[in-house]
Amino acid sequence: MKTGREETDIMDGQRNLKRQKVLEKSSSLPPPMGFENPLLPLANTYDDDDEDEDHERRALNRWGEGQNGARGEQNGNGVEYAEVEDDDDDLSGQEFPGKHNRLVEVRRDCPYLDTVNRQVLDFDFEKFCSVSLSNLNVYACLVCGKYYQGRGKKSHAYTHSLEAGHHVYINLQTEKVYCLPDGYEINDPSLDDIRHVLNPRFTREQVEQLDRNKQWSRALDGSDYLPGMVGLNNIQLTDFVNVTIQSLMRVTPLRNFFLIPKNYQHCKSPLVHRFGELARKIWHARNFKGQVSPHEFLQAVMKASKKRFRIGMQSEPVEFMSWLLNTLHNYLKTRKGGSIIHECFQGELEVVKETQNRAHGDDQNGALTESGTENNNVVIETYRMPFFMLGLDLPEPPLFKDVMEKNIIPQVPLFNILKKFDGETITTTVRPPARMRYHVTRMPPYLILHMRRFTRNNFFREKNPTLVNFPVKNLELKDYIPLPVPTNENERLRSKYDLIANIVHDGKPDEGFYRVFVQRKSEELWYEMQDLHVSETLPQMVALSEAYMQIYEQQQ
């Protein structure tokens, strides 16, 4: 019996020794890589029966490597690995504590780089997967231009790479480029132009040189375009948005502010970031095409305005301009209440309001005023209010036709309708009945004027065709509007303005369209822009149009 026990112990010891050797061999093997060997055929890469076991083992190894805290490795053959967070939904329900990290090979050579087709790339639309309609972890196929979600084996991008044979994908958020189904990251400088189109970048030195740049850029189709003078796509009745954006892009401090994302990185509003992204695309000199589609910006506008402004419904640029400036100010204002919008456009008016005192026992509406006096049952209230734009009233057109059976189109100088703000001219309002006098107490660096051409009655909408004669340069306001004298002796009165944008309405009130004349400061040339059409024009043609809204820049 004793001999049998000894033999049994010897056999158990041999078994334990063999098991220990097997464990040592398995532990000395290199860790499994997070990609398949591209040299092996796809059918031999993994077996259908063992796929689940390999998948679980790979996930466990990844979790163990994440626990060890390894940030980057290099094996004996000189292959680089980078540890990335596993943001793909390919763990099939497996849950491990902490974030899932895996090693991804980084290669400089990829045999599929010649399949990249820059002609089909368009990053102007929303970053949603074309299959799942999700905006999480979206990749763009650089061969066909479509968007797909994920990078794991059960993702739509992985499936598309197998079905269509398209292998190069870029992450729309991190801008990293991967090869699927192999799974390695591509680090090649030839893809930098795609990254610049996806997310245009400007340095402060480049921003300062924009108004001095006279160089044209060339698109992939061979057409030339001017950075900052690119057309905007009219998606559906969105010309009122296009002319507003093109006008605001001529306001230098506003443009420079939004070209650098660090200025508003604290803001969480999608509208602010979409507006900045659109501004960078308009002024980018390395675009693949000579036009930009404001699709993402319009989606943010629809959401922020609660569909007050939406695709497929025509609106007035003055309403959109007023809403946009106020909304951007509310998102960007600091603790002191100021913002880049206030610095550019805000002025101040002194308003004198005269109303009839209906009954002595009633409240005299003086709660919101700074001062109020009563004289012969007339209550006079004086208060100050800020403004972003000034509304100008046009004279009524004649009712009768002339000898040639044509309506006479009247003309009026801009200075005549500016007298509304001289502090003496009385403007009568119907609801509520009052007599108003306006006096400008502070002029903004950029003055927005709006000609009220459209009136709506109980039956239809009318348009006033009166032409306004205005100067393109050297608009002197102090001769027509009494302006406040600067308190500082060293500061001189700045009352001269130059036109930089002029929005025009053509056609009938409900069927017309908007276009805009803008100035290019580097050469002081004027361009007419209507959606995608951009053409050079004469300064004399700017003054012959039916002006609807204008932006003037104060001379320094």
Protein backbone atom coordinates (compact mmCIF):
# COMPACT_ATOMS: atom_id res chain seq x y z
CA MET A 1 0.00 0.00 0.00
CA LYS A 2 2.82 2.36 0.81
CA THR A 3 4.46 1.73 -2.56
CA GLY A 4 1.16 2.46 -4.37
CA ARG A 5 0.76 5.78 -2.51
CA GLU A 6 4.29 6.80 -3.41
CA GLU A 7 3.63 6.01 -7.07
CA THR A 8 0.43 8.06 -6.95
CA ASP A 9 2.26 11.06 -5.41
CA ILE A 10 4.97 10.84 -8.06
CA MET A 11 2.35 10.83 -10.84
CA ASP A 12 0.54 13.82 -9.28
CA GLY A 13 3.84 15.70 -9.05
CA GLN A 14 4.57 15.04 -12.71
CA ARG A 15 1.12 16.31 -13.67
CA ASN A 16 1.61 19.50 -11.63
CA LEU A 17 5.03 20.03 -13.22
CA LYS A 18 3.57 19.69 -16.72
CA ARG A 19 0.74 22.11 -15.85
CA GLN A 20 3.26 24.64 -14.50
CA LYS A 21 5.31 24.43 -17.70
CA VAL A 22 2.19 25.01 -19.83
CA LEU A 23 1.27 28.07 -17.74
CA GLU A 24 4.81 29.47 -18.05
CA LYS A 25 4.70 29.04 -21.84
CA SER A 26 1.30 30.72 -22.10
CA SER A 27 2.42 33.62 -19.88
CA SER A 28 5.61 34.16 -21.93
CA LEU A 29 3.62 34.61 -25.18
CA PRO A 30 3.16 38.23 -26.37
CA PRO A 31 -0.23 39.74 -25.61
CA PRO A 32 -2.83 39.38 -28.35
CA MET A 33 -3.00 42.44 -30.60
CA GLY A 34 -6.21 44.41 -31.09
CA PHE A 35 -6.14 43.92 -34.87
CA GLU A 36 -6.11 41.04 -37.34
CA ASN A 37 -3.09 40.23 -39.51
CA PRO A 38 -3.72 41.97 -42.87
CA LEU A 39 -1.52 39.45 -44.69
CA LEU A 40 -3.78 36.50 -43.86
CA PRO A 41 -6.94 35.82 -45.85
CA LEU A 42 -10.11 37.00 -44.17
CA ALA A 43 -11.52 33.46 -43.99
CA ASN A 44 -8.48 32.22 -42.04
CA THR A 45 -8.36 35.16 -39.62
CA TYR A 46 -10.81 33.64 -37.18
CA ASP A 47 -12.99 30.58 -36.94
CA ASP A 48 -16.73 30.92 -36.55
CA ASP A 49 -16.80 28.40 -33.71
CA ASP A 50 -14.00 30.03 -31.73
CA GLU A 51 -14.98 33.64 -32.40
CA ASP A 52 -16.84 34.12 -29.12
CA GLU A 53 -14.03 32.58 -27.05
CA ASP A 54 -11.37 34.71 -28.80
CA HIS A 55 -13.53 37.75 -28.35
CA GLU A 56 -13.96 37.19 -24.58
CA ARG A 57 -10.24 36.41 -24.15
CA ARG A 58 -9.26 39.58 -26.07
CA ALA A 59 -11.62 41.68 -23.98
CA LEU A 60 -10.24 40.21 -20.74
CA ASN A 61 -6.66 40.87 -21.87
CA ARG A 62 -7.62 44.44 -22.76
CA TRP A 63 -9.11 44.96 -19.30
CA GLY A 64 -5.98 43.54 -17.69
CA GLU A 65 -3.76 45.82 -19.74
CA GLY A 66 -5.93 48.79 -18.77
CA GLN A 67 -5.52 47.83 -15.11
CA ASN A 68 -1.73 47.74 -15.50
CA GLY A 69 -1.84 51.33 -16.80
CA ALA A 70 0.32 50.81 -19.89
CA ARG A 71 0.10 53.89 -22.14
CA GLY A 72 2.15 52.81 -25.14
CA GLU A 73 4.25 49.79 -26.10
CA GLN A 74 6.73 48.78 -28.75
CA ASN A 75 7.61 45.18 -29.52
CA GLY A 76 10.93 43.81 -30.70
CA ASN A 77 10.09 44.30 -34.37
CA GLY A 78 9.67 48.09 -33.94
CA VAL A 79 5.88 48.14 -34.37
CA GLU A 80 4.25 50.99 -32.45
CA TYR A 81 1.09 50.56 -30.42
CA ALA A 82 -1.17 53.22 -28.99
CA GLU A 83 -3.66 52.59 -26.22
CA VAL A 84 -7.08 54.00 -27.02
CA GLU A 85 -10.37 53.92 -25.20
CA ASP A 86 -12.64 51.26 -26.60
CA ASP A 87 -15.64 53.34 -27.60
CA ASP A 88 -17.05 50.74 -29.95
CA ASP A 89 -20.01 48.68 -28.90
CA ASP A 90 -18.41 45.30 -29.61
CA LEU A 91 -18.23 43.68 -26.16
CA SER A 92 -21.60 41.98 -26.64
CA GLY A 93 -22.91 42.63 -23.20
CA GLN A 94 -19.67 41.89 -21.31
CA GLU A 95 -19.20 44.30 -18.43
CA PHE A 96 -15.84 45.08 -16.87
CA PRO A 97 -15.03 47.70 -14.27
CA GLY A 98 -13.56 50.97 -15.53
CA LYS A 99 -13.02 52.05 -19.11
CA HIS A 100 -12.25 49.46 -21.77
CA ASN A 101 -8.84 50.13 -23.35
CA ARG A 102 -7.16 48.28 -26.15
CA LEU A 103 -3.92 48.49 -28.07
CA VAL A 104 -4.19 49.75 -31.64
CA GLU A 105 -1.30 49.48 -34.04
CA VAL A 106 -0.17 52.77 -35.63
CA ARG A 107 1.19 52.39 -39.14
CA ARG A 108 2.60 54.93 -41.55
CA ASP A 109 2.15 52.77 -44.62
CA CYS A 110 -1.30 51.68 -45.74
CA PRO A 111 -1.94 49.96 -49.09
CA TYR A 112 -5.42 51.52 -49.33
CA LEU A 113 -4.48 55.22 -49.23
CA ASP A 114 -4.79 55.46 -53.01
CA THR A 115 -8.52 54.60 -52.71
CA VAL A 116 -9.29 57.85 -50.84
CA ASN A 117 -11.61 59.96 -53.02
CA ARG A 118 -11.57 63.64 -52.00
CA GLN A 119 -14.15 64.55 -54.64
CA VAL A 120 -16.99 62.90 -52.68
CA LEU A 121 -16.05 64.19 -49.21
CA ASP A 122 -18.53 66.67 -47.76
CA PHE A 123 -18.40 67.47 -44.04
CA ASP A 124 -21.05 70.22 -44.11
CA PHE A 125 -23.94 67.94 -43.15
CA GLU A 126 -24.87 66.59 -39.75
CA LYS A 127 -22.61 63.88 -38.34
CA PHE A 128 -25.16 61.05 -38.19
CA CYS A 129 -24.70 57.40 -39.11
CA SER A 130 -26.45 56.69 -42.42
CA VAL A 131 -27.75 53.36 -41.05
CA SER A 132 -28.54 53.83 -37.35
CA LEU A 133 -29.04 57.66 -37.45
CA SER A 134 -26.93 57.92 -34.30
CA ASN A 135 -24.47 60.76 -33.71
CA LEU A 136 -22.24 58.78 -31.32
CA ASN A 137 -18.84 57.56 -32.51
CA VAL A 138 -19.43 58.35 -36.19
CA TYR A 139 -16.83 57.63 -38.87
CA ALA A 140 -16.72 58.93 -42.44
CA CYS A 141 -15.74 56.54 -45.21
CA LEU A 142 -13.02 58.33 -47.19
CA VAL A 143 -13.80 56.27 -50.29
CA CYS A 144 -17.53 56.94 -50.75
CA GLY A 145 -18.09 59.81 -48.28
CA LYS A 146 -20.88 58.15 -46.26
CA TYR A 147 -21.11 58.22 -42.47
CA TYR A 148 -21.13 55.02 -40.39
CA GLN A 149 -21.08 54.31 -36.69
CA GLY A 150 -18.45 52.42 -34.71
CA ARG A 151 -15.29 50.51 -35.51
CA GLY A 152 -15.88 47.14 -33.81
CA LYS A 153 -16.76 43.87 -35.52
CA LYS A 154 -20.49 44.38 -35.06
CA SER A 155 -20.51 48.03 -36.13
CA HIS A 156 -21.91 49.48 -39.35
CA ALA A 157 -18.52 50.83 -40.48
CA TYR A 158 -16.95 47.37 -40.11
CA THR A 159 -19.80 45.80 -42.09
CA HIS A 160 -19.47 48.44 -44.81
CA SER A 161 -15.74 47.77 -45.10
CA LEU A 162 -16.42 44.09 -45.78
CA GLU A 163 -19.38 44.54 -48.10
CA ALA A 164 -18.09 47.44 -50.22
CA GLY A 165 -14.35 46.93 -49.87
CA HIS A 166 -13.83 50.48 -48.55
CA HIS A 167 -11.05 50.42 -45.96
CA VAL A 168 -10.12 53.99 -44.90
CA TYR A 169 -12.25 55.78 -42.27
CA ILE A 170 -11.84 58.96 -40.25
CA ASN A 171 -13.34 59.59 -36.83
CA LEU A 172 -15.34 62.82 -37.17
CA GLN A 173 -14.63 63.82 -33.57
CA THR A 174 -11.02 62.79 -32.88
CA GLU A 175 -9.89 63.16 -36.55
CA LYS A 176 -7.99 59.85 -36.32
CA VAL A 177 -7.87 57.70 -39.46
CA TYR A 178 -8.25 53.91 -39.30
CA CYS A 179 -8.08 51.03 -41.73
CA LEU A 180 -10.95 48.55 -41.47
CA PRO A 181 -11.40 45.61 -41.08
CA ASP A 182 -7.69 45.36 -40.11
CA GLY A 183 -8.21 47.86 -37.29
CA TYR A 184 -4.90 49.73 -37.28
CA GLU A 185 -4.54 53.50 -37.13
CA ILE A 186 -3.05 55.32 -40.13
CA ASN A 187 -0.55 58.06 -39.37
CA ASP A 188 0.17 59.67 -42.72
CA PRO A 189 0.74 63.42 -43.34
CA SER A 190 -1.00 63.19 -46.72
CA LEU A 191 -4.34 63.07 -44.84
CA ASP A 192 -3.82 66.44 -43.12
CA ASP A 193 -5.75 68.30 -45.83
CA ILE A 194 -8.82 66.19 -45.04
CA ARG A 195 -8.47 67.02 -41.35
CA HIS A 196 -8.28 70.73 -42.17
CA VAL A 197 -11.47 70.53 -44.23
CA LEU A 198 -13.22 68.59 -41.46
CA ASN A 199 -12.20 71.12 -38.81
CA PRO A 200 -10.66 74.34 -40.20
CA ARG A 201 -8.07 75.98 -37.95
CA PHE A 202 -6.80 79.53 -37.75
CA THR A 203 -3.97 81.07 -35.79
CA ARG A 204 -4.20 84.62 -34.51
CA GLU A 205 -1.57 85.70 -37.04
CA GLN A 206 -3.62 84.24 -39.90
CA VAL A 207 -6.77 85.96 -38.63
CA GLU A 208 -5.02 89.33 -38.57
CA GLN A 209 -3.87 88.90 -42.18
CA LEU A 210 -7.29 87.98 -43.61
CA ASP A 211 -8.22 91.53 -44.67
CA ARG A 212 -4.85 91.92 -46.41
CA ASN A 213 -4.95 88.65 -48.31
CA LYS A 214 -5.46 89.07 -52.07
CA GLN A 215 -4.69 85.48 -53.03
CA TRP A 216 -7.26 83.23 -54.66
CA SER A 217 -7.71 79.56 -53.71
CA ARG A 218 -8.40 76.64 -56.02
CA ALA A 219 -10.95 73.90 -55.40
CA LEU A 220 -10.55 70.25 -56.40
CA ASP A 221 -12.66 70.73 -59.55
CA GLY A 222 -10.24 73.41 -60.77
CA SER A 223 -12.48 76.40 -60.03
CA ASP A 224 -11.06 79.43 -58.22
CA TYR A 225 -12.67 81.04 -55.20
CA LEU A 226 -11.92 83.80 -52.73
CA PRO A 227 -11.75 82.84 -49.04
CA GLY A 228 -14.60 84.68 -47.36
CA MET A 229 -16.42 85.20 -50.67
CA VAL A 230 -17.82 81.69 -51.08
CA GLY A 231 -21.45 80.96 -51.90
CA LEU A 232 -23.87 79.43 -49.41
CA ASN A 233 -26.20 76.65 -50.46
CA ASN A 234 -29.92 77.52 -50.43
CA ILE A 235 -31.34 74.35 -48.93
CA GLN A 236 -35.00 75.38 -49.30
CA LEU A 237 -36.14 79.00 -48.97
CA THR A 238 -33.17 79.79 -46.72
CA ASP A 239 -31.88 82.81 -48.65
CA PHE A 240 -32.80 85.03 -45.69
CA VAL A 241 -30.26 83.09 -43.59
CA ASN A 242 -27.58 83.22 -46.29
CA VAL A 243 -27.68 87.00 -46.74
CA THR A 244 -27.60 87.52 -42.96
CA ILE A 245 -24.55 85.27 -42.55
CA GLN A 246 -22.74 86.88 -45.47
CA SER A 247 -23.38 90.34 -44.00
CA LEU A 248 -22.15 89.43 -40.52
CA MET A 249 -18.98 87.90 -41.97
CA ARG A 250 -17.92 91.46 -43.00
CA VAL A 251 -17.92 92.64 -39.38
CA THR A 252 -14.23 92.23 -38.60
CA PRO A 253 -14.27 91.93 -34.75
CA LEU A 254 -17.20 89.49 -34.86
CA ARG A 255 -15.53 87.37 -37.54
CA ASN A 256 -12.16 87.34 -35.74
CA PHE A 257 -13.86 86.31 -32.49
CA PHE A 258 -15.59 83.28 -34.01
CA LEU A 259 -12.61 82.14 -36.10
CA ILE A 260 -10.77 81.08 -32.92
CA PRO A 261 -12.78 78.48 -30.92
CA LYS A 262 -10.88 79.22 -27.69
CA ASN A 263 -12.82 82.48 -27.40
CA TYR A 264 -16.10 80.65 -26.81
CA GLN A 265 -15.03 77.20 -25.62
CA HIS A 266 -16.77 77.85 -22.27
CA CYS A 267 -20.13 78.23 -24.03
CA LYS A 268 -22.29 75.10 -24.17
CA SER A 269 -24.75 76.34 -26.81
CA PRO A 270 -24.69 74.33 -30.09
CA LEU A 271 -25.80 77.48 -31.93
CA VAL A 272 -22.62 79.37 -30.96
CA HIS A 273 -20.33 76.51 -31.99
CA ARG A 274 -22.18 75.92 -35.26
CA PHE A 275 -21.95 79.62 -36.09
CA GLY A 276 -18.22 79.57 -35.39
CA GLU A 277 -17.75 76.42 -37.46
CA LEU A 278 -19.62 78.02 -40.38
CA ALA A 279 -17.47 81.16 -40.13
CA ARG A 280 -14.27 79.06 -40.24
CA LYS A 281 -15.47 77.16 -43.31
CA ILE A 282 -16.37 80.39 -45.14
CA TRP A 283 -12.92 81.91 -44.54
CA HIS A 284 -10.90 78.70 -44.96
CA ALA A 285 -8.39 78.78 -47.84
CA ARG A 286 -8.02 74.99 -48.24
CA ASN A 287 -11.60 73.92 -48.98
CA PHE A 288 -12.25 71.10 -51.44
CA LYS A 289 -15.04 73.11 -53.09
CA GLY A 290 -15.91 76.74 -53.59
CA GLN A 291 -19.17 76.76 -51.62
CA VAL A 292 -20.39 75.89 -48.14
CA SER A 293 -23.68 74.33 -47.02
CA PRO A 294 -25.04 75.80 -43.75
CA HIS A 295 -27.01 72.64 -42.96
CA GLU A 296 -25.68 72.07 -39.44
CA PHE A 297 -26.11 75.75 -38.56
CA LEU A 298 -29.73 75.67 -39.77
CA GLN A 299 -30.46 72.63 -37.64
CA ALA A 300 -29.11 74.48 -34.60
CA VAL A 301 -31.21 77.54 -35.53
CA MET A 302 -34.37 75.45 -35.80
CA LYS A 303 -33.76 73.93 -32.38
CA ALA A 304 -32.78 77.19 -30.63
CA SER A 305 -35.65 79.19 -32.14
CA LYS A 306 -38.19 76.41 -31.52
CA LYS A 307 -38.87 76.23 -35.28
CA ARG A 308 -39.63 79.93 -35.59
CA PHE A 309 -37.03 79.91 -38.39
CA ARG A 310 -36.92 76.65 -40.28
CA ILE A 311 -36.02 75.11 -43.60
CA GLY A 312 -38.80 75.44 -46.19
CA MET A 313 -40.42 78.58 -44.75
CA GLN A 314 -39.46 82.07 -45.92
CA SER A 315 -38.78 84.68 -43.23
CA GLU A 316 -37.51 88.23 -43.16
CA PRO A 317 -33.77 88.85 -42.65
CA VAL A 318 -34.44 91.66 -40.16
CA GLU A 319 -36.32 89.29 -37.86
CA PHE A 320 -33.63 86.64 -38.18
CA MET A 321 -30.84 89.17 -37.65
CA SER A 322 -32.49 90.56 -34.51
CA TRP A 323 -33.12 87.08 -33.08
CA LEU A 324 -29.61 85.84 -33.92
CA LEU A 325 -27.80 88.80 -32.36
CA ASN A 326 -29.86 88.67 -29.17
CA THR A 327 -29.49 84.90 -28.86
CA LEU A 328 -25.73 84.96 -29.41
CA HIS A 329 -25.43 87.77 -26.86
CA ASN A 330 -27.38 85.82 -24.23
CA TYR A 331 -25.10 82.79 -24.67
CA LEU A 332 -21.83 84.75 -24.82
CA LYS A 333 -22.37 87.47 -22.22
CA THR A 334 -19.94 87.62 -19.33
CA ARG A 335 -20.60 88.31 -15.68
CA LYS A 336 -20.46 92.03 -16.39
CA GLY A 337 -23.17 91.63 -19.04
CA GLY A 338 -21.02 92.44 -22.09
CA SER A 339 -20.27 90.36 -25.18
CA ILE A 340 -18.73 90.67 -28.62
CA ILE A 341 -22.24 91.43 -29.95
CA HIS A 342 -22.55 94.43 -27.62
CA GLU A 343 -19.09 95.68 -28.53
CA CYS A 344 -19.91 95.70 -32.24
CA PHE A 345 -23.57 96.69 -32.57
CA GLN A 346 -24.99 98.19 -29.39
CA GLY A 347 -25.87 101.89 -29.36
CA GLU A 348 -28.15 103.94 -27.14
CA LEU A 349 -31.30 105.98 -27.81
CA GLU A 350 -33.02 108.64 -25.76
CA VAL A 351 -36.79 108.34 -26.17
CA VAL A 352 -39.31 111.08 -25.33
CA LYS A 353 -42.84 109.71 -25.19
CA GLU A 354 -45.95 111.92 -25.02
CA THR A 355 -49.26 110.29 -24.12
CA GLN A 356 -52.67 111.65 -23.18
CA ASN A 357 -53.68 111.33 -19.54
CA ARG A 358 -57.06 109.60 -19.82
CA ALA A 359 -58.06 109.86 -16.17
CA HIS A 360 -56.44 111.54 -13.22
CA GLY A 361 -57.00 108.49 -11.05
CA ASP A 362 -55.20 106.11 -13.38
CA ASP A 363 -51.55 105.27 -13.19
CA GLN A 364 -49.54 107.58 -15.39
CA ASN A 365 -47.37 104.82 -16.86
CA GLY A 366 -44.27 106.22 -15.26
CA ALA A 367 -43.04 103.09 -13.54
CA LEU A 368 -40.39 102.21 -16.14
CA THR A 369 -39.20 105.73 -16.92
CA GLU A 370 -36.36 107.82 -15.59
CA SER A 371 -38.35 111.05 -15.55
CA GLY A 372 -41.96 112.00 -16.21
CA THR A 373 -43.82 115.31 -16.21
CA GLU A 374 -47.44 116.24 -16.76
CA ASN A 375 -48.54 119.31 -18.73
CA ASN A 376 -52.13 119.95 -19.90
CA ASN A 377 -53.13 116.33 -19.37
CA VAL A 378 -50.14 115.23 -21.50
CA VAL A 379 -47.70 112.86 -19.79
CA ILE A 380 -44.14 113.24 -21.04
CA GLU A 381 -41.81 110.34 -20.28
CA THR A 382 -38.08 110.30 -21.02
CA TYR A 383 -35.94 107.18 -20.87
CA ARG A 384 -32.95 105.60 -22.55
CA MET A 385 -32.87 102.25 -24.31
CA PRO A 386 -30.14 100.23 -26.08
CA PHE A 387 -30.49 99.21 -29.72
CA PHE A 388 -28.84 96.82 -32.17
CA MET A 389 -30.40 98.30 -35.32
CA LEU A 390 -32.37 101.41 -36.34
CA GLY A 391 -35.64 101.07 -38.27
CA LEU A 392 -36.26 103.71 -40.95
CA ASP A 393 -39.75 104.55 -42.28
CA LEU A 394 -40.12 105.00 -46.04
CA PRO A 395 -42.57 107.56 -47.54
CA GLU A 396 -45.77 106.18 -49.02
CA PRO A 397 -45.65 105.48 -52.80
CA PRO A 398 -48.09 107.40 -55.06
CA LEU A 399 -51.47 105.80 -55.69
CA PHE A 400 -52.02 107.05 -59.24
CA LYS A 401 -50.17 106.29 -62.45
CA ASP A 402 -48.44 108.85 -64.65
CA VAL A 403 -49.15 109.73 -68.30
CA MET A 404 -47.32 106.62 -69.55
CA GLU A 405 -49.65 104.39 -67.46
CA LYS A 406 -46.80 103.37 -65.20
CA ASN A 407 -46.38 103.81 -61.51
CA ILE A 408 -43.83 106.40 -60.52
CA ILE A 409 -41.16 104.91 -58.31
CA PRO A 410 -40.23 107.64 -55.84
CA GLN A 411 -36.74 108.23 -54.55
CA VAL A 412 -35.73 109.54 -51.16
CA PRO A 413 -32.30 110.43 -49.77
CA LEU A 414 -31.09 108.45 -46.80
CA PHE A 415 -30.60 111.65 -44.81
CA ASN A 416 -34.31 112.49 -45.05
CA ILE A 417 -35.42 109.27 -43.38
CA LEU A 418 -32.58 109.51 -40.83
CA LYS A 419 -34.17 112.69 -39.45
CA LYS A 420 -36.42 110.41 -37.41
CA PHE A 421 -33.54 110.22 -34.90
CA ASP A 422 -32.66 113.93 -34.68
CA GLY A 423 -34.57 114.38 -31.41
CA GLU A 424 -37.10 116.83 -32.91
CA THR A 425 -39.06 114.90 -35.53
CA ILE A 426 -42.26 113.45 -34.07
CA THR A 427 -43.26 109.88 -34.88
CA THR A 428 -46.88 108.95 -34.17
CA THR A 429 -47.78 105.45 -33.04
CA VAL A 430 -51.31 104.06 -33.22
CA ARG A 431 -51.18 101.27 -30.65
CA PRO A 432 -50.74 102.58 -28.06
CA PRO A 433 -51.52 106.16 -29.19
CA ALA A 434 -48.44 108.25 -28.48
CA ARG A 435 -46.05 110.80 -29.95
CA MET A 436 -42.44 109.67 -29.92
CA ARG A 437 -39.15 111.52 -30.39
CA TYR A 438 -35.83 109.69 -30.73
CA HIS A 439 -32.33 110.98 -30.16
CA VAL A 440 -29.15 108.94 -30.59
CA THR A 441 -26.92 109.33 -27.53
CA ARG A 442 -24.25 106.73 -28.41
CA MET A 443 -23.27 105.44 -31.82
CA PRO A 444 -22.04 101.84 -32.22
CA PRO A 445 -18.91 100.86 -34.15
CA TYR A 446 -21.14 99.01 -36.63
CA LEU A 447 -24.49 100.58 -37.48
CA ILE A 448 -27.34 98.42 -38.83
CA LEU A 449 -30.11 100.27 -40.70
CA HIS A 450 -33.37 98.60 -41.68
CA MET A 451 -35.73 100.07 -44.29
CA ARG A 452 -39.28 99.03 -43.48
CA ARG A 453 -40.47 98.01 -46.93
CA PHE A 454 -43.11 95.48 -45.97
CA THR A 455 -46.47 96.26 -44.37
CA ARG A 456 -49.18 93.76 -43.59
CA ASN A 457 -52.88 94.60 -43.54
CA ASN A 458 -55.96 92.49 -42.99
CA PHE A 459 -55.84 91.05 -46.51
CA PHE A 460 -52.33 90.81 -47.92
CA ARG A 461 -48.71 91.90 -47.59
CA GLU A 462 -47.52 95.02 -49.40
CA LYS A 463 -44.06 96.14 -50.47
CA ASN A 464 -42.91 99.74 -50.71
CA PRO A 465 -40.78 100.12 -53.90
CA THR A 466 -39.23 103.47 -52.90
CA LEU A 467 -35.56 103.75 -53.79
CA VAL A 468 -33.22 105.06 -51.12
CA ASN A 469 -30.23 107.12 -52.26
CA PHE A 470 -27.27 106.52 -49.99
CA PRO A 471 -23.50 107.01 -50.19
CA VAL A 472 -21.25 103.96 -50.30
CA LYS A 473 -18.41 105.76 -48.51
CA ASN A 474 -18.15 108.66 -46.06
CA LEU A 475 -21.68 108.71 -44.65
CA GLU A 476 -21.49 111.81 -42.43
CA LEU A 477 -24.13 111.61 -39.70
CA LYS A 478 -23.33 114.67 -37.59
CA ASP A 479 -24.82 117.01 -40.20
CA TYR A 480 -28.24 115.35 -39.93
CA ILE A 481 -28.29 113.74 -36.47
CA PRO A 482 -27.06 115.70 -33.42
CA LEU A 483 -24.48 113.40 -31.89
CA PRO A 484 -23.12 113.61 -28.35
CA VAL A 485 -19.78 115.36 -27.92
CA PRO A 486 -17.02 113.12 -26.47
CA THR A 487 -16.28 113.87 -22.83
CA ASN A 488 -12.56 113.19 -23.26
CA GLU A 489 -10.68 116.02 -24.93
CA ASN A 490 -8.25 113.68 -26.69
CA GLU A 491 -11.09 111.67 -28.22
CA ARG A 492 -12.55 113.01 -31.44
CA LEU A 493 -16.11 112.59 -32.68
CA ARG A 494 -16.39 109.60 -35.01
CA SER A 495 -19.41 110.29 -37.18
CA LYS A 496 -18.29 108.98 -40.59
CA TYR A 497 -19.37 105.53 -41.71
CA ASP A 498 -18.58 103.32 -44.72
CA LEU A 499 -20.99 100.76 -46.15
CA ILE A 500 -19.77 97.15 -45.91
CA ALA A 501 -22.99 95.15 -46.63
CA ASN A 502 -26.29 95.91 -48.35
CA ILE A 503 -29.16 93.37 -48.35
CA VAL A 504 -31.63 93.76 -51.24
CA HIS A 505 -35.08 92.27 -51.89
CA ASP A 506 -36.21 91.62 -55.47
CA GLY A 507 -39.64 90.56 -56.68
CA LYS A 508 -43.08 90.45 -55.14
CA PRO A 509 -43.57 90.53 -51.35
CA ASP A 510 -44.38 86.82 -50.96
CA GLU A 511 -42.52 85.45 -53.99
CA GLY A 512 -39.30 87.45 -54.09
CA PHE A 513 -35.77 86.57 -53.05
CA TYR A 514 -32.90 88.22 -51.20
CA ARG A 515 -29.38 88.99 -52.35
CA VAL A 516 -26.55 90.93 -50.75
CA PHE A 517 -23.75 93.24 -51.84
CA VAL A 518 -20.60 92.91 -49.72
CA GLN A 519 -17.22 94.61 -49.83
CA ARG A 520 -13.87 92.84 -49.92
CA LYS A 521 -11.57 94.99 -47.82
CA SER A 522 -8.25 93.78 -49.21
CA GLU A 523 -8.98 95.32 -52.63
CA GLU A 524 -12.06 97.45 -51.81
CA LEU A 525 -14.06 95.62 -54.46
CA TRP A 526 -17.79 94.91 -54.30
CA TYR A 527 -19.33 91.50 -54.87
CA GLU A 528 -22.93 90.50 -55.43
CA MET A 529 -23.88 87.27 -53.66
CA GLN A 530 -27.09 85.33 -54.15
CA ASP A 531 -26.87 81.87 -52.61
CA LEU A 532 -24.22 80.01 -54.64
CA HIS A 533 -23.70 82.78 -57.21
CA VAL A 534 -20.85 85.18 -56.44
CA SER A 535 -19.85 87.86 -58.97
CA GLU A 536 -17.93 91.10 -58.92
CA THR A 537 -19.97 94.28 -59.39
CA LEU A 538 -19.51 98.04 -59.57
CA PRO A 539 -20.05 100.30 -56.53
CA GLN A 540 -22.58 102.28 -58.60
CA MET A 541 -24.78 99.19 -58.90
CA VAL A 542 -24.96 98.90 -55.11
CA ALA A 543 -26.69 102.28 -54.80
CA LEU A 544 -29.28 101.50 -57.51
CA SER A 545 -30.89 98.58 -55.67
CA GLU A 546 -33.91 98.44 -53.37
CA ALA A 547 -32.02 98.46 -50.08
CA TYR A 548 -33.63 96.43 -47.31
CA MET A 549 -30.94 96.29 -44.61
CA GLN A 550 -27.49 97.84 -44.44
CA ILE A 551 -24.42 97.54 -42.21
CA TYR A 552 -22.10 100.54 -41.90
CA GLU A 553 -18.62 100.49 -40.37
CA GLN A 554 -17.36 103.44 -38.35
CA GLN A 555 -14.22 105.07 -39.70
CA GLN A 556 -11.30 104.93 -37.30
